[in-house]
Amino acid sequence: MNFDRINIDLKNSIENVPYSLEIDENLFLNSPEIIQQERKEFTKAHPFKKPDHIAVQDIFIPSSEDGYGIRLHVYQPEDFNHDKVLLYFHGGGYVFGLPEQVDNHMFEIADILKATIISVDYRLAPQYRFPIPVLDGFDALQWIIRHGVSELGINSDHITVFGASAGGHLAAAVTQMAADHHIKNIKHQFLLYPVIHNRLNTPSMEEFTDIPLWNKNYAKTAWLHFLGEENKDKSIQYSDLTSYHNFSGLPQTTIVACELDPLRDEDIEYAQLLYKAGVKTELWVIPGALHVFDLFDSPMKDEYNKFLMSRLFQ
């Protein structure tokens, strides 16, 4: 690929990061638990400073599947608006990551928008394969609906679901599942460069095999861990988001995709399915952007943050 296509400010920001951002492909494939532990230790060793006026707490809820205690990492500013409720899913290829890795971003959203954020520490693959991570998210949604008023003082009738990358996939899958259960509490889904399906055959997926930060090989390994060898090529509802029967029943949607991301074309495909179904949908494909561009300081990130703050609660 021609790396000159990357936005110059973003490229400079990435090059100035003092540590490697690449994933060891051999470890990712054969020893993902090592990467899980490394990411966990890194996040704990580099905490973000919490603003004094934002309360952070962990609430543990039982899984409806097996009773496992699902951790909800909750952010709530002192002057929160009870109508602004955000259910968030972090990224990490289904295999690694935890809510605290984006604490700074959640602090910013809570502060500026006066929102209560419930970030789901869903279980990770390959130890917990599909559908467990989706079911953890759906349990979180149901907890908010049933207990949000009494436990957090929030209006659980107006929920925005937000997720990034694999977390974007989980957010959208939970939204589909909610529609199938006739749950109308989700009013908006905001999907940041979401994973949509496991076909790995779009033009962007075929083109970006050597792109920094996320590429086709990473995506292939992530799906293997998430679905298992026996299912990695199957189209399964809530795993393949295009394998759905009632797009018209989904809420208003915002999708942000990146021009130089292997996930670009499946994001566009999902937006087209929503358009066709009559769902109010906004799609922004950011020129010169890479997957996880928003983790690096640049004018592009600033522009995206303004967009995000203006769209989350419409």
Protein backbone atom coordinates (compact mmCIF):
# COMPACT_ATOMS: atom_id res chain seq x y z
CA MET A 1 0.00 0.00 0.00
CA ASN A 2 1.02 3.63 -0.53
CA PHE A 3 1.58 4.92 3.01
CA ASP A 4 1.51 8.49 1.69
CA ARG A 5 -2.27 8.15 1.78
CA ILE A 6 -2.21 8.32 5.59
CA ASN A 7 -3.08 11.76 6.94
CA ILE A 8 0.27 13.42 7.63
CA ASP A 9 -0.59 14.68 11.12
CA LEU A 10 -1.90 11.26 12.11
CA LYS A 11 1.19 9.57 10.66
CA ASN A 12 3.52 11.86 12.62
CA SER A 13 1.59 11.27 15.82
CA ILE A 14 1.78 7.49 15.40
CA GLU A 15 5.52 7.62 14.66
CA ASN A 16 6.14 9.60 17.86
CA VAL A 17 4.60 6.97 20.14
CA PRO A 18 7.51 5.63 22.24
CA TYR A 19 6.44 1.98 22.16
CA SER A 20 5.40 -0.58 19.56
CA LEU A 21 1.77 -0.53 18.49
CA GLU A 22 1.86 -3.71 16.47
CA ILE A 23 0.49 -7.06 17.60
CA ASP A 24 2.79 -10.08 17.55
CA GLU A 25 0.92 -12.25 15.02
CA ASN A 26 2.33 -15.51 16.39
CA LEU A 27 1.28 -14.68 19.95
CA PHE A 28 -2.11 -13.44 18.79
CA LEU A 29 -2.75 -16.72 17.00
CA ASN A 30 -1.15 -19.24 19.35
CA SER A 31 -0.90 -17.61 22.80
CA PRO A 32 -3.54 -14.88 23.02
CA GLU A 33 -3.57 -15.11 26.81
CA ILE A 34 -0.08 -13.56 26.83
CA ILE A 35 -1.34 -10.50 24.94
CA GLN A 36 -4.35 -10.34 27.24
CA GLN A 37 -2.10 -10.18 30.28
CA GLU A 38 0.30 -7.69 28.68
CA ARG A 39 -2.53 -5.32 27.75
CA LYS A 40 -4.04 -5.64 31.23
CA GLU A 41 -0.74 -4.89 32.92
CA PHE A 42 -0.03 -1.96 30.59
CA THR A 43 -3.43 -0.39 31.25
CA LYS A 44 -3.06 -0.75 35.02
CA ALA A 45 0.47 0.67 34.92
CA HIS A 46 -0.66 3.74 32.94
CA PRO A 47 -3.89 4.92 34.59
CA PHE A 48 -5.62 8.10 33.53
CA LYS A 49 -6.23 10.74 36.18
CA LYS A 50 -9.87 10.80 37.22
CA PRO A 51 -11.54 14.21 37.50
CA ASP A 52 -12.77 14.83 41.04
CA HIS A 53 -16.32 15.56 39.92
CA ILE A 54 -16.79 12.23 38.12
CA ALA A 55 -17.65 9.19 40.23
CA VAL A 56 -16.39 5.82 39.01
CA GLN A 57 -17.65 2.53 40.38
CA ASP A 58 -17.79 -1.14 39.45
CA ILE A 59 -21.10 -2.95 39.60
CA PHE A 60 -21.20 -6.71 39.19
CA ILE A 61 -24.28 -8.33 37.70
CA PRO A 62 -24.99 -12.05 37.22
CA SER A 63 -24.85 -13.52 33.73
CA SER A 64 -28.18 -14.98 32.68
CA GLU A 65 -26.21 -17.71 30.94
CA ASP A 66 -24.08 -19.11 33.78
CA GLY A 67 -24.22 -16.73 36.76
CA TYR A 68 -20.77 -15.26 36.07
CA GLY A 69 -20.29 -11.81 37.61
CA ILE A 70 -20.15 -9.35 34.69
CA ARG A 71 -18.36 -6.15 35.65
CA LEU A 72 -19.96 -2.87 34.65
CA HIS A 73 -17.51 0.04 34.88
CA VAL A 74 -19.70 3.09 35.54
CA TYR A 75 -18.80 6.77 35.10
CA GLN A 76 -21.16 9.44 36.43
CA PRO A 77 -20.52 13.18 36.81
CA GLU A 78 -21.94 15.01 39.82
CA ASP A 79 -24.26 17.10 37.63
CA PHE A 80 -25.33 14.25 35.33
CA ASN A 81 -28.30 14.57 32.99
CA HIS A 82 -30.52 11.59 33.78
CA ASP A 83 -31.66 11.41 30.13
CA LYS A 84 -28.12 10.86 28.80
CA VAL A 85 -27.27 7.19 29.21
CA LEU A 86 -24.46 5.50 27.30
CA LEU A 87 -23.85 1.74 27.11
CA TYR A 88 -20.26 1.31 25.90
CA PHE A 89 -18.22 -1.61 24.50
CA HIS A 90 -14.43 -1.30 24.22
CA GLY A 91 -12.39 -2.62 21.30
CA GLY A 92 -9.67 -5.26 21.25
CA GLY A 93 -10.39 -7.84 18.57
CA TYR A 94 -12.66 -9.80 20.96
CA VAL A 95 -9.48 -11.10 22.58
CA PHE A 96 -8.00 -8.30 24.69
CA GLY A 97 -8.85 -5.00 26.30
CA LEU A 98 -10.82 -3.72 29.27
CA PRO A 99 -12.93 -0.64 30.01
CA GLU A 100 -10.09 1.29 31.69
CA GLN A 101 -8.10 1.45 28.44
CA VAL A 102 -10.31 4.35 27.32
CA ASP A 103 -10.92 5.98 30.71
CA ASN A 104 -9.71 9.34 29.43
CA HIS A 105 -12.23 9.30 26.59
CA MET A 106 -15.06 8.26 28.90
CA PHE A 107 -14.11 11.02 31.37
CA GLU A 108 -14.33 13.51 28.50
CA ILE A 109 -17.76 12.31 27.36
CA ALA A 110 -19.10 12.24 30.92
CA ASP A 111 -17.74 15.72 31.60
CA ILE A 112 -18.82 17.49 28.41
CA LEU A 113 -22.17 15.76 27.86
CA LYS A 114 -23.06 15.15 31.55
CA ALA A 115 -23.71 11.53 30.62
CA THR A 116 -23.75 8.39 32.72
CA ILE A 117 -21.63 5.74 31.00
CA ILE A 118 -21.91 2.02 31.66
CA SER A 119 -18.90 0.30 30.10
CA VAL A 120 -19.15 -3.48 29.85
CA ASP A 121 -16.19 -5.63 30.84
CA TYR A 122 -17.48 -8.43 28.63
CA ARG A 123 -15.73 -11.79 28.64
CA LEU A 124 -13.00 -12.31 26.08
CA ALA A 125 -12.26 -14.94 23.46
CA PRO A 126 -10.94 -17.54 23.02
CA GLN A 127 -11.71 -18.48 26.63
CA TYR A 128 -15.28 -17.29 26.09
CA ARG A 129 -16.39 -17.55 22.49
CA PHE A 130 -19.50 -16.27 20.74
CA PRO A 131 -22.22 -15.79 21.86
CA ILE A 132 -20.96 -15.16 25.44
CA PRO A 133 -19.59 -11.62 24.83
CA VAL A 134 -22.85 -10.62 23.10
CA LEU A 135 -24.93 -12.14 25.89
CA ASP A 136 -22.84 -10.28 28.49
CA GLY A 137 -23.70 -7.06 26.68
CA PHE A 138 -27.38 -7.93 26.48
CA ASP A 139 -27.41 -8.70 30.21
CA ALA A 140 -25.88 -5.27 30.81
CA LEU A 141 -28.63 -3.65 28.75
CA GLN A 142 -31.34 -5.49 30.68
CA TRP A 143 -29.76 -4.50 33.99
CA ILE A 144 -29.83 -0.84 32.97
CA ILE A 145 -33.49 -1.13 32.01
CA ARG A 146 -34.46 -2.88 35.23
CA HIS A 147 -32.18 -1.17 37.75
CA GLY A 148 -30.86 2.02 36.16
CA VAL A 149 -33.42 4.26 37.82
CA SER A 150 -33.02 2.85 41.33
CA GLU A 151 -29.25 2.27 41.24
CA LEU A 152 -28.02 5.23 39.16
CA GLY A 153 -30.93 7.67 38.95
CA ILE A 154 -30.97 7.52 35.15
CA ASN A 155 -33.74 7.36 32.58
CA SER A 156 -33.32 3.91 31.07
CA ASP A 157 -35.89 4.65 28.34
CA HIS A 158 -33.31 6.67 26.38
CA ILE A 159 -30.14 4.65 25.89
CA THR A 160 -27.38 5.23 23.35
CA VAL A 161 -25.24 2.18 22.55
CA PHE A 162 -21.66 2.96 21.55
CA GLY A 163 -18.79 0.67 20.61
CA ALA A 164 -15.46 0.70 18.79
CA SER A 165 -14.08 -1.98 16.45
CA ALA A 166 -14.99 -5.39 17.93
CA GLY A 167 -16.88 -3.39 20.56
CA GLY A 168 -18.80 -1.76 17.71
CA HIS A 169 -19.81 -5.21 16.55
CA LEU A 170 -20.99 -6.13 20.07
CA ALA A 171 -22.92 -2.86 20.38
CA ALA A 172 -24.70 -3.53 17.08
CA ALA A 173 -25.33 -7.18 17.95
CA VAL A 174 -26.89 -6.21 21.29
CA THR A 175 -29.04 -3.67 19.44
CA GLN A 176 -30.25 -6.38 17.04
CA MET A 177 -30.95 -8.72 19.94
CA ALA A 178 -32.87 -5.99 21.75
CA ALA A 179 -35.03 -5.41 18.67
CA ASP A 180 -35.77 -9.14 18.51
CA HIS A 181 -36.91 -9.01 22.14
CA HIS A 182 -39.13 -5.98 21.41
CA ILE A 183 -36.98 -3.77 23.64
CA LYS A 184 -37.36 -0.16 22.51
CA ASN A 185 -35.08 1.54 25.04
CA ILE A 186 -32.15 1.95 22.63
CA LYS A 187 -32.70 5.20 20.74
CA HIS A 188 -29.35 5.45 18.95
CA GLN A 189 -26.37 3.26 18.10
CA PHE A 190 -23.02 4.94 17.44
CA LEU A 191 -20.60 2.52 15.78
CA LEU A 192 -16.95 3.50 15.47
CA TYR A 193 -15.12 1.50 12.74
CA PRO A 194 -17.18 -1.56 13.71
CA VAL A 195 -16.52 -5.16 12.72
CA ILE A 196 -19.58 -6.28 10.71
CA HIS A 197 -19.03 -9.77 9.30
CA ASN A 198 -16.45 -12.57 9.00
CA ARG A 199 -16.26 -12.96 5.24
CA LEU A 200 -12.87 -11.21 4.97
CA ASN A 201 -13.44 -10.67 1.23
CA THR A 202 -14.27 -7.01 0.72
CA PRO A 203 -12.01 -4.85 -1.47
CA SER A 204 -10.71 -2.95 1.56
CA MET A 205 -10.00 -6.19 3.45
CA GLU A 206 -8.10 -7.53 0.45
CA GLU A 207 -6.18 -4.27 -0.02
CA PHE A 208 -5.05 -3.52 3.52
CA THR A 209 -3.01 -6.60 4.37
CA ASP A 210 0.07 -4.66 5.54
CA ILE A 211 -1.55 -1.53 6.98
CA PRO A 212 -0.45 -0.46 10.50
CA LEU A 213 -2.58 -1.10 13.59
CA TRP A 214 -5.15 -3.50 12.07
CA ASN A 215 -4.96 -5.67 8.96
CA LYS A 216 -6.51 -8.74 7.35
CA ASN A 217 -4.31 -11.21 9.24
CA TYR A 218 -5.31 -9.70 12.57
CA ALA A 219 -8.96 -9.83 11.53
CA LYS A 220 -8.68 -13.47 10.48
CA THR A 221 -7.16 -14.44 13.83
CA ALA A 222 -9.74 -12.45 15.77
CA TRP A 223 -12.61 -14.28 14.06
CA LEU A 224 -10.93 -17.63 14.64
CA HIS A 225 -10.74 -16.93 18.38
CA PHE A 226 -14.25 -15.47 18.53
CA LEU A 227 -16.09 -18.21 16.62
CA GLY A 228 -13.74 -21.19 16.84
CA GLU A 229 -12.38 -23.27 13.97
CA GLU A 230 -15.71 -25.00 13.37
CA ASN A 231 -17.67 -21.74 12.96
CA LYS A 232 -15.14 -19.19 11.69
CA ASP A 233 -16.53 -19.27 8.13
CA LYS A 234 -20.22 -19.54 9.00
CA SER A 235 -22.78 -16.74 8.77
CA ILE A 236 -24.47 -16.74 12.18
CA GLN A 237 -27.04 -14.23 13.42
CA TYR A 238 -25.55 -11.64 15.81
CA SER A 239 -22.08 -12.68 14.63
CA ASP A 240 -22.54 -11.73 10.98
CA LEU A 241 -24.49 -8.49 11.41
CA THR A 242 -25.68 -8.62 7.79
CA SER A 243 -27.41 -11.93 8.55
CA TYR A 244 -30.40 -10.21 10.11
CA HIS A 245 -34.08 -10.33 9.29
CA ASN A 246 -35.49 -6.96 10.36
CA PHE A 247 -33.19 -3.99 9.77
CA SER A 248 -36.20 -1.68 9.72
CA GLY A 249 -36.69 -2.38 13.44
CA LEU A 250 -33.30 -0.93 14.39
CA PRO A 251 -32.83 2.55 15.90
CA GLN A 252 -31.15 5.62 14.46
CA THR A 253 -27.54 4.82 13.62
CA THR A 254 -24.26 6.67 13.19
CA ILE A 255 -21.31 4.84 11.63
CA VAL A 256 -17.76 6.22 11.47
CA ALA A 257 -15.41 4.38 9.12
CA CYS A 258 -11.81 4.97 8.08
CA GLU A 259 -10.65 5.24 4.48
CA LEU A 260 -7.53 3.11 5.10
CA ASP A 261 -9.11 0.46 7.31
CA PRO A 262 -9.73 -3.14 6.18
CA LEU A 263 -13.15 -2.79 7.84
CA ARG A 264 -14.14 0.17 5.67
CA ASP A 265 -16.23 -1.61 3.07
CA GLU A 266 -18.19 -3.77 5.51
CA ASP A 267 -19.04 -0.59 7.45
CA ILE A 268 -20.33 0.98 4.24
CA GLU A 269 -22.24 -2.22 3.46
CA TYR A 270 -23.96 -2.12 6.85
CA ALA A 271 -24.91 1.53 6.38
CA GLN A 272 -26.43 0.66 3.00
CA LEU A 273 -28.54 -2.10 4.56
CA LEU A 274 -29.85 0.40 7.11
CA TYR A 275 -30.53 3.03 4.44
CA LYS A 276 -32.42 0.46 2.39
CA ALA A 277 -34.52 -0.45 5.45
CA GLY A 278 -35.45 3.17 6.07
CA VAL A 279 -33.39 3.58 9.24
CA LYS A 280 -32.15 7.13 9.84
CA THR A 281 -28.42 6.60 9.32
CA GLU A 282 -25.36 8.82 9.07
CA LEU A 283 -22.13 7.44 7.61
CA TRP A 284 -18.80 9.28 7.78
CA VAL A 285 -15.80 7.76 6.02
CA ILE A 286 -12.81 9.77 7.24
CA PRO A 287 -10.20 10.42 4.51
CA GLY A 288 -6.64 9.43 5.40
CA ALA A 289 -7.70 7.71 8.62
CA LEU A 290 -6.44 4.40 9.97
CA HIS A 291 -8.18 2.01 12.35
CA VAL A 292 -7.99 3.39 15.93
CA PHE A 293 -6.94 6.82 14.59
CA ASP A 294 -8.74 8.37 17.56
CA LEU A 295 -6.14 7.06 20.01
CA PHE A 296 -3.55 9.51 18.61
CA ASP A 297 -3.48 13.27 19.09
CA SER A 298 -4.07 15.06 15.81
CA PRO A 299 -6.45 17.58 14.22
CA MET A 300 -8.30 14.55 12.81
CA LYS A 301 -8.99 13.29 16.33
CA ASP A 302 -10.17 16.75 17.38
CA GLU A 303 -12.58 16.89 14.45
CA TYR A 304 -13.89 13.43 15.24
CA ASN A 305 -14.42 14.30 18.92
CA LYS A 306 -16.51 17.32 17.95
CA PHE A 307 -18.58 15.12 15.68
CA LEU A 308 -19.00 12.49 18.41
CA MET A 309 -20.11 15.00 21.03
CA SER A 310 -22.67 16.46 18.64
CA ARG A 311 -24.13 13.10 17.61
CA LEU A 312 -24.18 10.77 20.63
CA PHE A 313 -27.44 12.06 22.09
CA GLN A 314 -29.63 13.29 19.24
